[in-house]
């Protein structure tokens, strides 16, 4: 499993979707503790989600 698999799971988690079956929550959490690149990706994805939510709600 590589970071792209974990980033798919991060995206699903942020969107409230079902997690990929090959990436249980505990495995994702363990990866995030060890991988600063994926932690950074998660934060940028979270910020983007917040910004797009504000933008779409302002019209």
C-alpha atoms as a PDB file:
ATOM      1  CA  UNK A   1       0.000   0.000   0.000  1.00  0.00           C
ATOM      2  CA  UNK A   2       1.328   3.444  -0.824  1.00  0.00           C
ATOM      3  CA  UNK A   3       0.398   7.012   0.010  1.00  0.00           C
ATOM      4  CA  UNK A   4      -2.068   7.277  -2.878  1.00  0.00           C
ATOM      5  CA  UNK A   5      -4.135   4.488  -1.281  1.00  0.00           C
ATOM      6  CA  UNK A   6      -4.102   6.324   2.032  1.00  0.00           C
ATOM      7  CA  UNK A   7      -5.017   9.618   0.378  1.00  0.00           C
ATOM      8  CA  UNK A   8      -8.054   7.977  -1.192  1.00  0.00           C
ATOM      9  CA  UNK A   9      -9.064   6.863   2.310  1.00  0.00           C
ATOM     10  CA  UNK A  10      -8.415  10.339   3.728  1.00  0.00           C
ATOM     11  CA  UNK A  11     -10.638  11.845   1.061  1.00  0.00           C
ATOM     12  CA  UNK A  12     -13.401   9.352   1.818  1.00  0.00           C
ATOM     13  CA  UNK A  13     -13.135  10.101   5.533  1.00  0.00           C
ATOM     14  CA  UNK A  14     -13.318  13.861   4.974  1.00  0.00           C
ATOM     15  CA  UNK A  15     -16.324  13.467   2.675  1.00  0.00           C
ATOM     16  CA  UNK A  16     -18.148  11.133   5.063  1.00  0.00           C
ATOM     17  CA  UNK A  17     -18.005   8.296   2.555  1.00  0.00           C
ATOM     18  CA  UNK A  18     -17.310   4.618   3.189  1.00  0.00           C
ATOM     19  CA  UNK A  19     -13.642   3.898   3.673  1.00  0.00           C
ATOM     20  CA  UNK A  20     -11.954   1.623   1.142  1.00  0.00           C
ATOM     21  CA  UNK A  21     -12.160  -1.943   2.518  1.00  0.00           C
ATOM     22  CA  UNK A  22      -8.388  -2.380   2.358  1.00  0.00           C
ATOM     23  CA  UNK A  23      -7.751   0.682   4.559  1.00  0.00           C
ATOM     24  CA  UNK A  24      -9.427   0.306   7.960  1.00  0.00           C
ATOM     25  CA  UNK A  25      -9.541   3.348  10.238  1.00  0.00           C
ATOM     26  CA  UNK A  26      -6.809   2.022  12.523  1.00  0.00           C
ATOM     27  CA  UNK A  27      -4.439   1.435   9.598  1.00  0.00           C
ATOM     28  CA  UNK A  28      -5.078   4.931   8.246  1.00  0.00           C
ATOM     29  CA  UNK A  29      -4.548   6.484  11.671  1.00  0.00           C
ATOM     30  CA  UNK A  30      -1.265   4.593  12.096  1.00  0.00           C
ATOM     31  CA  UNK A  31      -0.083   5.756   8.672  1.00  0.00           C
ATOM     32  CA  UNK A  32      -0.967   9.368   9.455  1.00  0.00           C
ATOM     33  CA  UNK A  33       1.085   9.209  12.648  1.00  0.00           C
ATOM     34  CA  UNK A  34       4.118   8.098  10.623  1.00  0.00           C
ATOM     35  CA  UNK A  35       3.741  10.046   7.357  1.00  0.00           C
ATOM     36  CA  UNK A  36       4.130  13.823   7.435  1.00  0.00           C
ATOM     37  CA  UNK A  37       3.375  14.073   3.703  1.00  0.00           C
ATOM     38  CA  UNK A  38      -0.059  12.486   4.152  1.00  0.00           C
ATOM     39  CA  UNK A  39      -0.766  14.594   7.243  1.00  0.00           C
ATOM     40  CA  UNK A  40       0.009  17.682   5.148  1.00  0.00           C
ATOM     41  CA  UNK A  41      -2.182  16.377   2.312  1.00  0.00           C
ATOM     42  CA  UNK A  42      -5.034  15.811   4.789  1.00  0.00           C
ATOM     43  CA  UNK A  43      -4.770  19.378   6.076  1.00  0.00           C
ATOM     44  CA  UNK A  44      -4.740  20.864   2.573  1.00  0.00           C
ATOM     45  CA  UNK A  45      -7.719  18.694   1.591  1.00  0.00           C
ATOM     46  CA  UNK A  46      -9.583  19.794   4.722  1.00  0.00           C
ATOM     47  CA  UNK A  47      -8.862  23.455   3.967  1.00  0.00           C
ATOM     48  CA  UNK A  48      -9.989  23.042   0.362  1.00  0.00           C
ATOM     49  CA  UNK A  49     -13.205  21.376   1.519  1.00  0.00           C
ATOM     50  CA  UNK A  50     -13.892  24.260   3.903  1.00  0.00           C
ATOM     51  CA  UNK A  51     -13.160  26.884   1.247  1.00  0.00           C
ATOM     52  CA  UNK A  52     -15.340  25.249  -1.393  1.00  0.00           C
ATOM     53  CA  UNK A  53     -18.116  24.828   1.165  1.00  0.00           C
ATOM     54  CA  UNK A  54     -18.013  28.544   1.931  1.00  0.00           C
ATOM     55  CA  UNK A  55     -17.854  29.461  -1.739  1.00  0.00           C
ATOM     56  CA  UNK A  56     -20.797  27.280  -2.739  1.00  0.00           C
ATOM     57  CA  UNK A  57     -22.836  28.551   0.203  1.00  0.00           C
ATOM     58  CA  UNK A  58     -22.310  32.203  -0.577  1.00  0.00           C
ATOM     59  CA  UNK A  59     -24.391  32.322  -3.777  1.00  0.00           C
END
